[in-house]
Amino acid sequence: MINRHSILCFAAGASLLAAKLVAVAASPLSASTGFFPQITVVAFVFALIWTGLRARKVPGRIRLRWQARLLVMVGWLMTGYILTVGWVDHNLAKRTHDNVYNEPYKVWATRGLVTDGSDGDPIRVRNSIESISYAFSRGARGTELDVYYDTEMSDFIVSHPRPYEKPNGTLLTLDVLFNAVGGDGYFWVDWKKLRHLDRSQLQAALARLKQITDRPGLMNRVYVEGEAPFSLLAVRQAGFHTIYDCRPLIDSRILSPVIVDVFKAVYYFGDFTVMGLQSGTRTEPIYGPKTHRALRNIPVFLYHVSDDVELLKQLASFSNVRVIIIQQDIDRFGFIAQNQ
């Protein structure tokens, strides 16, 4: 006798096995090394079949019915997860990302090149015209900088904290900064508190940003960073390059592949330009082997990278790692990526 619980178990097992086979065919590397490798899927399929057979023989047991329902629910979740990740990886592998920065000089400046004046050079503070101009003069191809959109001023203020910094005793607007140093180089614009803007404020901010970047070639050299997907989607729709900032776990954590796959799916369906994330250290990497494998088809911008030459060599050797930023007072701009 076959009851509905046994049918559900058999159906869930068949669907899960079929999903895994499809995922392996579509993206073999992802499917074989993901959070649900083949051995896990096979074991779970057997558990579903075994529970389905038991449910057929003893249909009246309440405990067995709940066990079957739980396994079926988990089986469907696993099926959906495997199909989604397989679909995303299959389509990401087709992208070329030709419009993304891809030069051998991967180390950019962090809020310019800061100097304290101890060696006789002028004092140059972070997020200032002087520090950014100095970084470019030293060979940096790009720089990260921090901005807020001030709704009362209807303008972008260059500053890391609030209350705003005043590099030379006055507020520095993004417009003034681009007037001074926007003729060359790339800009990683870390848009602070982007998620706090409502729809009308965000549209006003984007209109202002388009005005500011309306200079020959500048808009294509600006990458806007944000961690709120829906707000960042509006930035992308306005025509800007976008950096989807995500916060994966340390690479060795058991749930790290799942978290990375979720971020990867958001990146894919949001159609963002690159992903931004912390690198971690050599001993406790965030962008470690598992995360690199999961994101191998996505251009990545890494930040908070230690000033560790061996780590830089390792990270820069990955072709999908396009930009690296380390401490704001370290000049590694001449570092050339090799063996990509």
C-alpha atoms as a PDB file:
ATOM      1  CA  MET A   1       0.000   0.000   0.000  1.00  0.00           C
ATOM      2  CA  ILE A   2       1.319   3.442  -0.942  1.00  0.00           C
ATOM      3  CA  ASN A   3       0.244   6.531   0.980  1.00  0.00           C
ATOM      4  CA  ARG A   4       0.848  10.194   0.323  1.00  0.00           C
ATOM      5  CA  HIS A   5       3.877  10.384   2.660  1.00  0.00           C
ATOM      6  CA  SER A   6       5.710   7.642   0.837  1.00  0.00           C
ATOM      7  CA  ILE A   7       4.848   9.263  -2.517  1.00  0.00           C
ATOM      8  CA  LEU A   8       6.206  12.609  -1.296  1.00  0.00           C
ATOM      9  CA  CYS A   9       9.417  10.966  -0.089  1.00  0.00           C
ATOM     10  CA  PHE A  10       9.951   9.148  -3.404  1.00  0.00           C
ATOM     11  CA  ALA A  11       9.187  12.312  -5.379  1.00  0.00           C
ATOM     12  CA  ALA A  12      11.526  14.456  -3.268  1.00  0.00           C
ATOM     13  CA  GLY A  13      14.302  11.889  -3.582  1.00  0.00           C
ATOM     14  CA  ALA A  14      13.921  11.642  -7.349  1.00  0.00           C
ATOM     15  CA  SER A  15      13.824  15.445  -7.721  1.00  0.00           C
ATOM     16  CA  LEU A  16      16.913  15.903  -5.562  1.00  0.00           C
ATOM     17  CA  LEU A  17      18.880  13.288  -7.490  1.00  0.00           C
ATOM     18  CA  ALA A  18      17.770  14.761 -10.829  1.00  0.00           C
ATOM     19  CA  ALA A  19      18.719  18.286  -9.672  1.00  0.00           C
ATOM     20  CA  LYS A  20      22.189  17.127  -8.711  1.00  0.00           C
ATOM     21  CA  LEU A  21      22.710  15.403 -12.053  1.00  0.00           C
ATOM     22  CA  VAL A  22      21.559  18.505 -13.923  1.00  0.00           C
ATOM     23  CA  ALA A  23      23.851  20.701 -11.821  1.00  0.00           C
ATOM     24  CA  VAL A  24      26.823  18.412 -12.478  1.00  0.00           C
ATOM     25  CA  ALA A  25      26.126  18.556 -16.207  1.00  0.00           C
ATOM     26  CA  ALA A  26      25.710  22.343 -16.217  1.00  0.00           C
ATOM     27  CA  SER A  27      28.657  23.257 -13.979  1.00  0.00           C
ATOM     28  CA  PRO A  28      30.776  20.241 -12.935  1.00  0.00           C
ATOM     29  CA  LEU A  29      33.225  22.105 -10.690  1.00  0.00           C
ATOM     30  CA  SER A  30      30.546  23.922  -8.721  1.00  0.00           C
ATOM     31  CA  ALA A  31      28.323  20.878  -8.343  1.00  0.00           C
ATOM     32  CA  SER A  32      31.116  18.591  -7.177  1.00  0.00           C
ATOM     33  CA  THR A  33      32.610  20.935  -4.576  1.00  0.00           C
ATOM     34  CA  GLY A  34      29.619  22.854  -3.274  1.00  0.00           C
ATOM     35  CA  PHE A  35      27.944  22.657   0.115  1.00  0.00           C
ATOM     36  CA  PHE A  36      26.010  19.559  -1.011  1.00  0.00           C
ATOM     37  CA  PRO A  37      28.598  17.316  -2.707  1.00  0.00           C
ATOM     38  CA  GLN A  38      27.562  14.058  -4.339  1.00  0.00           C
ATOM     39  CA  ILE A  39      27.998  11.863  -1.249  1.00  0.00           C
ATOM     40  CA  THR A  40      25.676  14.104   0.800  1.00  0.00           C
ATOM     41  CA  VAL A  41      22.994  14.093  -1.884  1.00  0.00           C
ATOM     42  CA  VAL A  42      23.187  10.310  -2.370  1.00  0.00           C
ATOM     43  CA  ALA A  43      22.918   9.743   1.396  1.00  0.00           C
ATOM     44  CA  PHE A  44      19.900  12.043   1.648  1.00  0.00           C
ATOM     45  CA  VAL A  45      18.203  10.388  -1.343  1.00  0.00           C
ATOM     46  CA  PHE A  46      18.607   7.014   0.343  1.00  0.00           C
ATOM     47  CA  ALA A  47      17.170   8.465   3.560  1.00  0.00           C
ATOM     48  CA  LEU A  48      14.127   9.696   1.637  1.00  0.00           C
ATOM     49  CA  ILE A  49      13.619   6.349  -0.085  1.00  0.00           C
ATOM     50  CA  TRP A  50      14.027   4.432   3.177  1.00  0.00           C
ATOM     51  CA  THR A  51      11.553   6.697   4.954  1.00  0.00           C
ATOM     52  CA  GLY A  52       9.149   6.397   2.029  1.00  0.00           C
ATOM     53  CA  LEU A  53       9.294   2.591   2.224  1.00  0.00           C
ATOM     54  CA  ARG A  54       8.675   2.666   5.973  1.00  0.00           C
ATOM     55  CA  ALA A  55       5.772   5.079   5.538  1.00  0.00           C
ATOM     56  CA  ARG A  56       4.220   2.685   3.033  1.00  0.00           C
ATOM     57  CA  LYS A  57       4.441  -0.229   5.443  1.00  0.00           C
ATOM     58  CA  VAL A  58       3.357   1.569   8.629  1.00  0.00           C
ATOM     59  CA  PRO A  59       1.130   4.428   7.441  1.00  0.00           C
ATOM     60  CA  GLY A  60      -0.480   5.096  10.786  1.00  0.00           C
ATOM     61  CA  ARG A  61       2.535   6.195  12.842  1.00  0.00           C
ATOM     62  CA  ILE A  62       2.393   9.902  13.701  1.00  0.00           C
ATOM     63  CA  ARG A  63       6.111  10.124  14.438  1.00  0.00           C
ATOM     64  CA  LEU A  64       6.966   8.590  11.072  1.00  0.00           C
ATOM     65  CA  ARG A  65       4.642  10.988   9.260  1.00  0.00           C
ATOM     66  CA  TRP A  66       6.404  13.990  10.802  1.00  0.00           C
ATOM     67  CA  GLN A  67       9.787  12.478   9.970  1.00  0.00           C
ATOM     68  CA  ALA A  68       8.718  12.048   6.359  1.00  0.00           C
ATOM     69  CA  ARG A  69       7.382  15.613   6.134  1.00  0.00           C
ATOM     70  CA  LEU A  70      10.595  17.036   7.571  1.00  0.00           C
ATOM     71  CA  LEU A  71      12.789  15.060   5.182  1.00  0.00           C
ATOM     72  CA  VAL A  72      10.615  16.048   2.217  1.00  0.00           C
ATOM     73  CA  MET A  73      10.795  19.738   3.161  1.00  0.00           C
ATOM     74  CA  VAL A  74      14.591  19.595   3.523  1.00  0.00           C
ATOM     75  CA  GLY A  75      14.805  17.648   0.261  1.00  0.00           C
ATOM     76  CA  TRP A  76      12.879  20.313  -1.638  1.00  0.00           C
ATOM     77  CA  LEU A  77      15.068  23.045  -0.093  1.00  0.00           C
ATOM     78  CA  MET A  78      18.214  21.185  -1.125  1.00  0.00           C
ATOM     79  CA  THR A  79      16.802  20.735  -4.628  1.00  0.00           C
ATOM     80  CA  GLY A  80      16.040  24.427  -4.986  1.00  0.00           C
ATOM     81  CA  TYR A  81      19.441  25.405  -3.611  1.00  0.00           C
ATOM     82  CA  ILE A  82      21.347  23.063  -5.949  1.00  0.00           C
ATOM     83  CA  LEU A  83      19.396  24.143  -9.036  1.00  0.00           C
ATOM     84  CA  THR A  84      19.787  27.856  -8.225  1.00  0.00           C
ATOM     85  CA  VAL A  85      23.535  27.631  -7.615  1.00  0.00           C
ATOM     86  CA  GLY A  86      24.028  25.480 -10.711  1.00  0.00           C
ATOM     87  CA  TRP A  87      22.032  27.906 -12.861  1.00  0.00           C
ATOM     88  CA  VAL A  88      23.909  30.929 -11.516  1.00  0.00           C
ATOM     89  CA  ASP A  89      27.347  29.335 -12.008  1.00  0.00           C
ATOM     90  CA  HIS A  90      26.460  28.125 -15.493  1.00  0.00           C
ATOM     91  CA  ASN A  91      25.460  31.619 -16.589  1.00  0.00           C
ATOM     92  CA  LEU A  92      28.294  33.419 -14.807  1.00  0.00           C
ATOM     93  CA  ALA A  93      30.795  31.220 -16.644  1.00  0.00           C
ATOM     94  CA  LYS A  94      29.541  32.711 -19.931  1.00  0.00           C
ATOM     95  CA  ARG A  95      30.250  36.309 -18.939  1.00  0.00           C
ATOM     96  CA  THR A  96      33.443  38.005 -20.100  1.00  0.00           C
ATOM     97  CA  HIS A  97      33.362  41.139 -17.886  1.00  0.00           C
ATOM     98  CA  ASP A  98      35.232  43.080 -20.562  1.00  0.00           C
ATOM     99  CA  ASN A  99      34.014  46.389 -19.115  1.00  0.00           C
ATOM    100  CA  VAL A 100      35.646  45.823 -15.711  1.00  0.00           C
ATOM    101  CA  TYR A 101      39.047  47.212 -14.725  1.00  0.00           C
ATOM    102  CA  ASN A 102      41.651  44.573 -15.619  1.00  0.00           C
ATOM    103  CA  GLU A 103      45.212  45.846 -15.453  1.00  0.00           C
ATOM    104  CA  PRO A 104      48.317  44.226 -13.939  1.00  0.00           C
ATOM    105  CA  TYR A 105      48.587  47.075 -11.401  1.00  0.00           C
ATOM    106  CA  LYS A 106      45.919  45.788  -9.038  1.00  0.00           C
ATOM    107  CA  VAL A 107      46.850  47.655  -5.848  1.00  0.00           C
ATOM    108  CA  TRP A 108      44.872  50.875  -5.518  1.00  0.00           C
ATOM    109  CA  ALA A 109      45.127  53.545  -2.855  1.00  0.00           C
ATOM    110  CA  THR A 110      42.975  53.555   0.252  1.00  0.00           C
ATOM    111  CA  ARG A 111      41.525  57.067   0.657  1.00  0.00           C
ATOM    112  CA  GLY A 112      44.614  58.367  -1.091  1.00  0.00           C
ATOM    113  CA  LEU A 113      48.186  58.030   0.166  1.00  0.00           C
ATOM    114  CA  VAL A 114      48.330  59.392   3.704  1.00  0.00           C
ATOM    115  CA  THR A 115      51.557  60.990   5.004  1.00  0.00           C
ATOM    116  CA  ASP A 116      52.199  62.308   8.515  1.00  0.00           C
ATOM    117  CA  GLY A 117      55.002  64.722   7.646  1.00  0.00           C
ATOM    118  CA  SER A 118      57.609  62.825   9.676  1.00  0.00           C
ATOM    119  CA  ASP A 119      59.930  62.436   6.676  1.00  0.00           C
ATOM    120  CA  GLY A 120      59.747  66.090   5.673  1.00  0.00           C
ATOM    121  CA  ASP A 121      56.885  65.613   3.196  1.00  0.00           C
ATOM    122  CA  PRO A 122      53.704  67.635   3.681  1.00  0.00           C
ATOM    123  CA  ILE A 123      50.957  66.178   5.867  1.00  0.00           C
ATOM    124  CA  ARG A 124      48.298  64.550   3.716  1.00  0.00           C
ATOM    125  CA  VAL A 125      45.146  63.321   5.448  1.00  0.00           C
ATOM    126  CA  ARG A 126      42.779  60.643   4.203  1.00  0.00           C
ATOM    127  CA  ASN A 127      40.022  61.454   1.702  1.00  0.00           C
ATOM    128  CA  SER A 128      41.709  64.695   0.689  1.00  0.00           C
ATOM    129  CA  ILE A 129      42.677  66.171  -2.654  1.00  0.00           C
ATOM    130  CA  GLU A 130      46.296  66.141  -1.541  1.00  0.00           C
ATOM    131  CA  SER A 131      46.410  62.456  -0.520  1.00  0.00           C
ATOM    132  CA  ILE A 132      44.569  61.252  -3.628  1.00  0.00           C
ATOM    133  CA  SER A 133      46.601  63.427  -5.978  1.00  0.00           C
ATOM    134  CA  TYR A 134      49.776  62.185  -4.315  1.00  0.00           C
ATOM    135  CA  ALA A 135      48.690  58.547  -4.719  1.00  0.00           C
ATOM    136  CA  PHE A 136      48.084  59.088  -8.430  1.00  0.00           C
ATOM    137  CA  SER A 137      51.468  60.784  -8.798  1.00  0.00           C
ATOM    138  CA  ARG A 138      53.086  57.742  -7.166  1.00  0.00           C
ATOM    139  CA  GLY A 139      51.536  55.429  -9.746  1.00  0.00           C
ATOM    140  CA  ALA A 140      48.229  54.355  -8.226  1.00  0.00           C
ATOM    141  CA  ARG A 141      45.741  53.510 -10.962  1.00  0.00           C
ATOM    142  CA  GLY A 142      42.804  54.085  -8.670  1.00  0.00           C
ATOM    143  CA  THR A 143      41.741  54.999  -5.167  1.00  0.00           C
ATOM    144  CA  GLU A 144      38.988  54.140  -2.733  1.00  0.00           C
ATOM    145  CA  LEU A 145      37.207  57.064  -1.076  1.00  0.00           C
ATOM    146  CA  ASP A 146      34.255  57.530   1.277  1.00  0.00           C
ATOM    147  CA  VAL A 147      31.215  59.692   0.594  1.00  0.00           C
ATOM    148  CA  TYR A 148      27.851  60.528   2.139  1.00  0.00           C
ATOM    149  CA  TYR A 149      24.909  62.054   0.357  1.00  0.00           C
ATOM    150  CA  ASP A 150      23.767  64.914   2.553  1.00  0.00           C
ATOM    151  CA  THR A 151      20.033  65.374   2.007  1.00  0.00           C
ATOM    152  CA  GLU A 152      20.010  68.884   3.480  1.00  0.00           C
ATOM    153  CA  MET A 153      22.868  70.079   1.292  1.00  0.00           C
ATOM    154  CA  SER A 154      21.735  67.980  -1.712  1.00  0.00           C
ATOM    155  CA  ASP A 155      25.352  67.074  -2.333  1.00  0.00           C
ATOM    156  CA  PHE A 156      27.985  64.391  -1.772  1.00  0.00           C
ATOM    157  CA  ILE A 157      30.444  64.988   1.061  1.00  0.00           C
ATOM    158  CA  VAL A 158      33.805  63.208   1.049  1.00  0.00           C
ATOM    159  CA  SER A 159      34.342  61.841   4.544  1.00  0.00           C
ATOM    160  CA  HIS A 160      34.728  58.550   6.378  1.00  0.00           C
ATOM    161  CA  PRO A 161      32.959  59.361   9.672  1.00  0.00           C
ATOM    162  CA  ARG A 162      30.130  61.573  10.736  1.00  0.00           C
ATOM    163  CA  PRO A 163      30.430  64.383  11.819  1.00  0.00           C
ATOM    164  CA  TYR A 164      32.168  65.065   8.533  1.00  0.00           C
ATOM    165  CA  GLU A 165      35.920  65.413   8.269  1.00  0.00           C
ATOM    166  CA  LYS A 166      37.304  68.722   7.043  1.00  0.00           C
ATOM    167  CA  PRO A 167      40.656  68.023   5.331  1.00  0.00           C
ATOM    168  CA  ASN A 168      41.668  71.690   5.042  1.00  0.00           C
ATOM    169  CA  GLY A 169      39.266  73.207   7.505  1.00  0.00           C
ATOM    170  CA  THR A 170      36.323  73.022   5.096  1.00  0.00           C
ATOM    171  CA  LEU A 171      34.008  70.301   3.850  1.00  0.00           C
ATOM    172  CA  LEU A 172      35.188  68.558   0.711  1.00  0.00           C
ATOM    173  CA  THR A 173      32.464  67.775  -1.804  1.00  0.00           C
ATOM    174  CA  LEU A 174      32.805  65.073  -4.418  1.00  0.00           C
ATOM    175  CA  ASP A 175      32.338  67.675  -7.143  1.00  0.00           C
ATOM    176  CA  VAL A 176      35.317  69.690  -5.908  1.00  0.00           C
ATOM    177  CA  LEU A 177      37.400  66.523  -5.584  1.00  0.00           C
ATOM    178  CA  PHE A 178      36.637  65.446  -9.157  1.00  0.00           C
ATOM    179  CA  ASN A 179      37.391  68.951 -10.399  1.00  0.00           C
ATOM    180  CA  ALA A 180      40.849  68.576  -8.892  1.00  0.00           C
ATOM    181  CA  VAL A 181      41.752  64.927  -9.570  1.00  0.00           C
ATOM    182  CA  GLY A 182      39.020  63.465 -11.764  1.00  0.00           C
ATOM    183  CA  GLY A 183      40.910  63.795 -15.011  1.00  0.00           C
ATOM    184  CA  ASP A 184      42.631  60.443 -14.653  1.00  0.00           C
ATOM    185  CA  GLY A 185      42.518  57.284 -12.577  1.00  0.00           C
ATOM    186  CA  TYR A 186      39.721  55.127 -11.209  1.00  0.00           C
ATOM    187  CA  PHE A 187      37.537  55.777  -8.179  1.00  0.00           C
ATOM    188  CA  TRP A 188      36.093  53.198  -5.793  1.00  0.00           C
ATOM    189  CA  VAL A 189      33.320  55.258  -4.202  1.00  0.00           C
ATOM    190  CA  ASP A 190      32.215  53.775  -0.880  1.00  0.00           C
ATOM    191  CA  TRP A 191      28.739  55.269  -0.514  1.00  0.00           C
ATOM    192  CA  LYS A 192      28.091  55.358   3.234  1.00  0.00           C
ATOM    193  CA  LYS A 193      24.532  54.928   4.570  1.00  0.00           C
ATOM    194  CA  LEU A 194      23.189  54.257   1.089  1.00  0.00           C
ATOM    195  CA  ARG A 195      20.472  52.015   2.526  1.00  0.00           C
ATOM    196  CA  HIS A 196      19.117  54.857   4.691  1.00  0.00           C
ATOM    197  CA  LEU A 197      17.950  56.962   1.747  1.00  0.00           C
ATOM    198  CA  ASP A 198      14.310  56.689   0.771  1.00  0.00           C
ATOM    199  CA  ARG A 199      13.258  56.446  -2.874  1.00  0.00           C
ATOM    200  CA  SER A 200      12.981  60.173  -3.545  1.00  0.00           C
ATOM    201  CA  GLN A 201      16.244  60.921  -1.754  1.00  0.00           C
ATOM    202  CA  LEU A 202      18.014  58.179  -3.686  1.00  0.00           C
ATOM    203  CA  GLN A 203      16.743  59.471  -7.010  1.00  0.00           C
ATOM    204  CA  ALA A 204      17.880  62.999  -6.110  1.00  0.00           C
ATOM    205  CA  ALA A 205      21.268  61.650  -5.072  1.00  0.00           C
ATOM    206  CA  LEU A 206      21.692  59.720  -8.324  1.00  0.00           C
ATOM    207  CA  ALA A 207      20.711  62.759 -10.370  1.00  0.00           C
ATOM    208  CA  ARG A 208      23.378  64.754  -8.524  1.00  0.00           C
ATOM    209  CA  LEU A 209      25.971  61.992  -9.012  1.00  0.00           C
ATOM    210  CA  LYS A 210      25.294  61.941 -12.746  1.00  0.00           C
ATOM    211  CA  GLN A 211      25.855  65.718 -12.837  1.00  0.00           C
ATOM    212  CA  ILE A 212      29.125  65.352 -10.954  1.00  0.00           C
ATOM    213  CA  THR A 213      30.423  62.574 -13.212  1.00  0.00           C
ATOM    214  CA  ASP A 214      29.326  64.232 -16.444  1.00  0.00           C
ATOM    215  CA  ARG A 215      32.913  64.731 -17.608  1.00  0.00           C
ATOM    216  CA  PRO A 216      34.787  63.014 -20.448  1.00  0.00           C
ATOM    217  CA  GLY A 217      35.356  59.367 -19.502  1.00  0.00           C
ATOM    218  CA  LEU A 218      34.809  59.844 -15.774  1.00  0.00           C
ATOM    219  CA  MET A 219      31.604  57.859 -15.318  1.00  0.00           C
ATOM    220  CA  ASN A 220      33.278  54.725 -16.720  1.00  0.00           C
ATOM    221  CA  ARG A 221      36.067  55.124 -14.145  1.00  0.00           C
ATOM    222  CA  VAL A 222      33.737  55.311 -11.142  1.00  0.00           C
ATOM    223  CA  TYR A 223      32.681  52.199  -9.197  1.00  0.00           C
ATOM    224  CA  VAL A 224      29.981  52.768  -6.586  1.00  0.00           C
ATOM    225  CA  GLU A 225      30.025  50.450  -3.574  1.00  0.00           C
ATOM    226  CA  GLY A 226      27.023  49.513  -1.438  1.00  0.00           C
ATOM    227  CA  GLU A 227      25.815  46.546   0.594  1.00  0.00           C
ATOM    228  CA  ALA A 228      22.052  47.103   0.245  1.00  0.00           C
ATOM    229  CA  PRO A 229      21.052  45.222  -2.947  1.00  0.00           C
ATOM    230  CA  PHE A 230      17.846  47.121  -3.718  1.00  0.00           C
ATOM    231  CA  SER A 231      19.473  50.530  -3.266  1.00  0.00           C
ATOM    232  CA  LEU A 232      22.504  49.412  -5.278  1.00  0.00           C
ATOM    233  CA  LEU A 233      20.177  48.166  -8.003  1.00  0.00           C
ATOM    234  CA  ALA A 234      18.939  51.742  -8.482  1.00  0.00           C
ATOM    235  CA  VAL A 235      22.582  52.850  -8.806  1.00  0.00           C
ATOM    236  CA  ARG A 236      23.158  50.228 -11.509  1.00  0.00           C
ATOM    237  CA  GLN A 237      19.989  51.217 -13.324  1.00  0.00           C
ATOM    238  CA  ALA A 238      21.278  54.804 -13.353  1.00  0.00           C
ATOM    239  CA  GLY A 239      24.208  53.576 -15.456  1.00  0.00           C
ATOM    240  CA  PHE A 240      27.024  53.340 -12.903  1.00  0.00           C
ATOM    241  CA  HIS A 241      29.473  50.517 -12.321  1.00  0.00           C
ATOM    242  CA  THR A 242      28.528  48.882  -9.023  1.00  0.00           C
ATOM    243  CA  ILE A 243      30.417  47.039  -6.281  1.00  0.00           C
ATOM    244  CA  TYR A 244      28.175  44.692  -4.331  1.00  0.00           C
ATOM    245  CA  ASP A 245      29.762  44.680  -0.869  1.00  0.00           C
ATOM    246  CA  CYS A 246      29.229  41.368   0.920  1.00  0.00           C
ATOM    247  CA  ARG A 247      30.436  39.947   4.226  1.00  0.00           C
ATOM    248  CA  PRO A 248      31.222  36.212   3.936  1.00  0.00           C
ATOM    249  CA  LEU A 249      32.381  34.139   6.881  1.00  0.00           C
ATOM    250  CA  ILE A 250      35.952  32.974   7.364  1.00  0.00           C
ATOM    251  CA  ASP A 251      36.611  30.465   4.596  1.00  0.00           C
ATOM    252  CA  SER A 252      37.057  27.508   6.954  1.00  0.00           C
ATOM    253  CA  ARG A 253      33.614  27.836   8.575  1.00  0.00           C
ATOM    254  CA  ILE A 254      31.196  25.062   7.671  1.00  0.00           C
ATOM    255  CA  LEU A 255      28.441  27.449   6.531  1.00  0.00           C
ATOM    256  CA  SER A 256      30.791  29.660   4.526  1.00  0.00           C
ATOM    257  CA  PRO A 257      29.915  28.058   1.130  1.00  0.00           C
ATOM    258  CA  VAL A 258      26.194  28.592   1.728  1.00  0.00           C
ATOM    259  CA  ILE A 259      26.647  32.266   2.656  1.00  0.00           C
ATOM    260  CA  VAL A 260      28.884  32.846  -0.372  1.00  0.00           C
ATOM    261  CA  ASP A 261      26.375  31.149  -2.689  1.00  0.00           C
ATOM    262  CA  VAL A 262      23.606  33.435  -1.384  1.00  0.00           C
ATOM    263  CA  PHE A 263      25.744  36.520  -2.018  1.00  0.00           C
ATOM    264  CA  LYS A 264      26.655  35.151  -5.455  1.00  0.00           C
ATOM    265  CA  ALA A 265      22.995  34.722  -6.354  1.00  0.00           C
ATOM    266  CA  VAL A 266      22.212  38.288  -5.248  1.00  0.00           C
ATOM    267  CA  TYR A 267      25.120  39.537  -7.355  1.00  0.00           C
ATOM    268  CA  TYR A 268      23.924  37.593 -10.391  1.00  0.00           C
ATOM    269  CA  PHE A 269      20.248  38.510 -10.236  1.00  0.00           C
ATOM    270  CA  GLY A 270      21.129  42.139  -9.407  1.00  0.00           C
ATOM    271  CA  ASP A 271      23.463  42.213 -12.432  1.00  0.00           C
ATOM    272  CA  PHE A 272      26.068  44.139 -10.452  1.00  0.00           C
ATOM    273  CA  THR A 273      29.505  44.857 -11.919  1.00  0.00           C
ATOM    274  CA  VAL A 274      31.834  43.381  -9.299  1.00  0.00           C
ATOM    275  CA  MET A 275      31.768  41.942  -5.790  1.00  0.00           C
ATOM    276  CA  GLY A 276      33.646  43.570  -2.927  1.00  0.00           C
ATOM    277  CA  LEU A 277      34.730  41.711   0.193  1.00  0.00           C
ATOM    278  CA  GLN A 278      37.402  41.543   2.844  1.00  0.00           C
ATOM    279  CA  SER A 279      40.361  39.280   2.161  1.00  0.00           C
ATOM    280  CA  GLY A 280      41.146  38.119   5.686  1.00  0.00           C
ATOM    281  CA  THR A 281      44.688  37.006   6.479  1.00  0.00           C
ATOM    282  CA  ARG A 282      46.877  34.137   5.322  1.00  0.00           C
ATOM    283  CA  THR A 283      46.144  32.218   8.520  1.00  0.00           C
ATOM    284  CA  GLU A 284      42.416  33.055   8.615  1.00  0.00           C
ATOM    285  CA  PRO A 285      41.405  33.878   5.037  1.00  0.00           C
ATOM    286  CA  ILE A 286      37.946  35.076   4.105  1.00  0.00           C
ATOM    287  CA  TYR A 287      38.792  34.985   0.425  1.00  0.00           C
ATOM    288  CA  GLY A 288      40.258  31.503   0.801  1.00  0.00           C
ATOM    289  CA  PRO A 289      40.197  28.415  -1.449  1.00  0.00           C
ATOM    290  CA  LYS A 290      36.475  27.642  -1.103  1.00  0.00           C
ATOM    291  CA  THR A 291      35.358  31.247  -1.552  1.00  0.00           C
ATOM    292  CA  HIS A 292      37.713  31.764  -4.492  1.00  0.00           C
ATOM    293  CA  ARG A 293      36.366  28.622  -6.159  1.00  0.00           C
ATOM    294  CA  ALA A 294      32.771  29.782  -5.663  1.00  0.00           C
ATOM    295  CA  LEU A 295      33.507  33.275  -7.017  1.00  0.00           C
ATOM    296  CA  ARG A 296      35.957  32.292  -9.754  1.00  0.00           C
ATOM    297  CA  ASN A 297      33.669  33.648 -12.502  1.00  0.00           C
ATOM    298  CA  ILE A 298      33.027  36.990 -10.768  1.00  0.00           C
ATOM    299  CA  PRO A 299      35.387  40.000 -10.833  1.00  0.00           C
ATOM    300  CA  VAL A 300      36.319  40.754  -7.230  1.00  0.00           C
ATOM    301  CA  PHE A 301      37.571  43.884  -5.454  1.00  0.00           C
ATOM    302  CA  LEU A 302      39.297  43.032  -2.147  1.00  0.00           C
ATOM    303  CA  TYR A 303      39.745  45.397   0.796  1.00  0.00           C
ATOM    304  CA  HIS A 304      41.345  45.366   4.261  1.00  0.00           C
ATOM    305  CA  VAL A 305      44.205  43.345   2.774  1.00  0.00           C
ATOM    306  CA  SER A 306      47.230  42.976   5.040  1.00  0.00           C
ATOM    307  CA  ASP A 307      50.534  44.430   3.869  1.00  0.00           C
ATOM    308  CA  ASP A 308      51.857  40.938   3.299  1.00  0.00           C
ATOM    309  CA  VAL A 309      53.797  40.550   0.064  1.00  0.00           C
ATOM    310  CA  GLU A 310      53.220  36.792  -0.149  1.00  0.00           C
ATOM    311  CA  LEU A 311      49.503  37.291   0.381  1.00  0.00           C
ATOM    312  CA  LEU A 312      49.484  40.010  -2.275  1.00  0.00           C
ATOM    313  CA  LYS A 313      51.243  37.679  -4.717  1.00  0.00           C
ATOM    314  CA  GLN A 314      48.697  34.971  -4.041  1.00  0.00           C
ATOM    315  CA  LEU A 315      45.653  37.212  -4.386  1.00  0.00           C
ATOM    316  CA  ALA A 316      46.983  39.064  -7.418  1.00  0.00           C
ATOM    317  CA  SER A 317      47.649  35.762  -9.199  1.00  0.00           C
ATOM    318  CA  PHE A 318      43.888  35.176  -9.465  1.00  0.00           C
ATOM    319  CA  SER A 319      42.582  36.541 -12.750  1.00  0.00           C
ATOM    320  CA  ASN A 320      39.190  37.419 -11.241  1.00  0.00           C
ATOM    321  CA  VAL A 321      40.755  39.559  -8.484  1.00  0.00           C
ATOM    322  CA  ARG A 322      40.850  42.915 -10.218  1.00  0.00           C
ATOM    323  CA  VAL A 323      41.571  45.400  -7.389  1.00  0.00           C
ATOM    324  CA  ILE A 324      43.270  45.179  -3.993  1.00  0.00           C
ATOM    325  CA  ILE A 325      43.422  47.908  -1.369  1.00  0.00           C
ATOM    326  CA  ILE A 326      45.611  47.756   1.735  1.00  0.00           C
ATOM    327  CA  GLN A 327      46.475  50.282   4.431  1.00  0.00           C
ATOM    328  CA  GLN A 328      46.046  53.937   3.506  1.00  0.00           C
ATOM    329  CA  ASP A 329      49.676  54.857   4.261  1.00  0.00           C
ATOM    330  CA  ILE A 330      51.283  52.011   2.264  1.00  0.00           C
ATOM    331  CA  ASP A 331      52.581  52.490  -1.272  1.00  0.00           C
ATOM    332  CA  ARG A 332      52.427  49.208  -3.183  1.00  0.00           C
ATOM    333  CA  PHE A 333      51.168  50.796  -6.369  1.00  0.00           C
ATOM    334  CA  GLY A 334      54.074  49.430  -8.412  1.00  0.00           C
ATOM    335  CA  PHE A 335      53.211  45.868  -7.482  1.00  0.00           C
ATOM    336  CA  ILE A 336      52.561  43.907 -10.680  1.00  0.00           C
ATOM    337  CA  ALA A 337      50.368  40.840 -10.797  1.00  0.00           C
ATOM    338  CA  GLN A 338      52.065  37.871 -12.411  1.00  0.00           C
ATOM    339  CA  ASN A 339      51.168  34.279 -13.260  1.00  0.00           C
ATOM    340  CA  GLN A 340      47.508  35.125 -13.795  1.00  0.00           C
END
